[in-house]
């Protein structure tokens, strides 16, 4: 958890970090996600677009939890070499961009209902 907190500090991100092993839950797949969200008092749950093949959003609605979708596009940034290598770790971006990484990462995604 410490490295996650450190990266969040570098990127000026604020959020609680929860470990699912510390939370009671039941079920599998979407039922498990809904159970986890309910047990922490979540009003919203965000999935990435890749989860659309298996997340049953109606189960969130039945539990009174709004389901949202995250869309993310890997940003292109100066890596100090001729050919850009996409989809590397956030650590690569931080090392190459320094404090500017915070702005870049915050501009490369959206969260929406559809």
Protein backbone atom coordinates (compact mmCIF):
# COMPACT_ATOMS: atom_id res chain seq x y z
CA UNK A 1 0.00 0.00 0.00
CA UNK A 2 2.89 2.36 0.65
CA UNK A 3 4.04 2.47 -2.98
CA UNK A 4 0.45 3.19 -4.06
CA UNK A 5 0.26 6.06 -1.58
CA UNK A 6 3.61 7.40 -2.78
CA UNK A 7 2.54 7.34 -6.43
CA UNK A 8 -0.75 9.02 -5.50
CA UNK A 9 1.21 11.76 -3.72
CA UNK A 10 3.47 12.25 -6.77
CA UNK A 11 0.37 12.56 -8.98
CA UNK A 12 -1.55 14.75 -6.52
CA UNK A 13 -4.38 12.20 -6.28
CA UNK A 14 -6.55 11.86 -3.19
CA UNK A 15 -8.58 8.72 -2.46
CA UNK A 16 -9.03 6.18 0.27
CA UNK A 17 -7.17 2.92 -0.30
CA UNK A 18 -9.20 -0.11 0.73
CA UNK A 19 -8.03 -3.72 0.75
CA UNK A 20 -10.77 -6.20 -0.16
CA UNK A 21 -9.29 -8.71 2.30
CA UNK A 22 -10.29 -6.30 5.10
CA UNK A 23 -13.93 -6.15 3.96
CA UNK A 24 -16.68 -8.73 4.39
CA UNK A 25 -18.26 -9.82 1.11
CA UNK A 26 -20.33 -12.58 -0.43
CA UNK A 27 -20.87 -13.94 -3.92
CA UNK A 28 -18.82 -14.16 -7.05
CA UNK A 29 -18.30 -11.89 -10.05
CA UNK A 30 -20.72 -8.95 -10.07
CA UNK A 31 -22.40 -10.07 -6.83
CA UNK A 32 -19.01 -9.87 -5.09
CA UNK A 33 -18.39 -6.36 -6.45
CA UNK A 34 -21.83 -5.19 -5.31
CA UNK A 35 -21.29 -6.76 -1.89
CA UNK A 36 -17.92 -5.02 -1.50
CA UNK A 37 -19.41 -1.70 -2.57
CA UNK A 38 -22.34 -2.07 -0.17
CA UNK A 39 -20.07 -2.94 2.75
CA UNK A 40 -18.03 0.24 2.36
CA UNK A 41 -21.09 2.42 1.82
CA UNK A 42 -20.32 3.20 -1.82
CA UNK A 43 -22.91 5.14 -3.80
CA UNK A 44 -21.04 4.67 -7.11
CA UNK A 45 -18.87 1.97 -8.67
CA UNK A 46 -16.52 2.55 -11.61
CA UNK A 47 -15.49 -0.18 -14.08
CA UNK A 48 -13.18 0.13 -17.03
CA UNK A 49 -14.65 -0.47 -20.48
CA UNK A 50 -12.97 -3.87 -20.70
CA UNK A 51 -15.30 -5.12 -17.96
CA UNK A 52 -18.40 -4.50 -20.09
CA UNK A 53 -18.30 -8.11 -21.28
CA UNK A 54 -18.95 -9.50 -17.80
CA UNK A 55 -20.14 -6.79 -15.35
CA UNK A 56 -23.91 -6.94 -14.87
CA UNK A 57 -24.74 -3.29 -14.25
CA UNK A 58 -28.39 -4.05 -13.42
CA UNK A 59 -27.20 -5.71 -10.19
CA UNK A 60 -25.63 -2.43 -9.08
CA UNK A 61 -28.88 -0.58 -9.84
CA UNK A 62 -30.87 -3.15 -7.83
CA UNK A 63 -28.58 -2.40 -4.86
CA UNK A 64 -28.99 1.36 -5.28
CA UNK A 65 -25.41 1.83 -6.49
CA UNK A 66 -24.78 3.89 -9.61
CA UNK A 67 -22.50 2.12 -12.07
CA UNK A 68 -20.09 4.28 -14.09
CA UNK A 69 -17.65 3.53 -16.90
CA UNK A 70 -14.07 4.71 -17.13
CA UNK A 71 -12.53 5.30 -20.55
CA UNK A 72 -8.77 5.69 -20.65
CA UNK A 73 -6.35 6.44 -23.48
CA UNK A 74 -2.66 5.96 -22.84
CA UNK A 75 -1.01 9.33 -23.29
CA UNK A 76 2.01 9.83 -25.52
CA UNK A 77 4.79 11.64 -23.67
CA UNK A 78 8.52 12.25 -24.02
CA UNK A 79 10.39 9.13 -22.94
CA UNK A 80 13.78 10.44 -23.98
CA UNK A 81 14.04 8.10 -26.98
CA UNK A 82 13.09 8.22 -30.64
CA UNK A 83 10.31 5.61 -30.65
CA UNK A 84 7.54 5.89 -28.05
CA UNK A 85 6.80 2.69 -26.10
CA UNK A 86 3.13 2.72 -25.04
CA UNK A 87 1.49 1.26 -21.93
CA UNK A 88 4.48 1.32 -19.62
CA UNK A 89 4.16 1.76 -15.86
CA UNK A 90 3.13 5.07 -14.34
CA UNK A 91 6.63 5.05 -12.86
CA UNK A 92 8.04 5.54 -16.37
CA UNK A 93 5.83 8.60 -16.86
CA UNK A 94 6.76 10.06 -13.46
CA UNK A 95 10.48 9.56 -14.09
CA UNK A 96 10.26 11.13 -17.56
CA UNK A 97 7.83 13.97 -16.84
CA UNK A 98 8.28 14.70 -13.15
CA UNK A 99 5.48 16.88 -11.70
CA UNK A 100 3.94 17.31 -15.17
CA UNK A 101 2.84 13.65 -15.00
CA UNK A 102 -0.04 14.67 -12.70
CA UNK A 103 -1.63 16.91 -15.34
CA UNK A 104 -1.05 14.42 -18.17
CA UNK A 105 -2.59 11.45 -16.37
CA UNK A 106 -5.63 13.45 -15.27
CA UNK A 107 -6.36 14.48 -18.87
CA UNK A 108 -6.32 11.03 -20.48
CA UNK A 109 -9.55 9.56 -19.18
CA UNK A 110 -13.22 10.15 -18.56
CA UNK A 111 -15.93 8.67 -16.35
CA UNK A 112 -19.49 8.48 -17.67
CA UNK A 113 -22.81 6.71 -17.18
CA UNK A 114 -22.83 5.13 -20.65
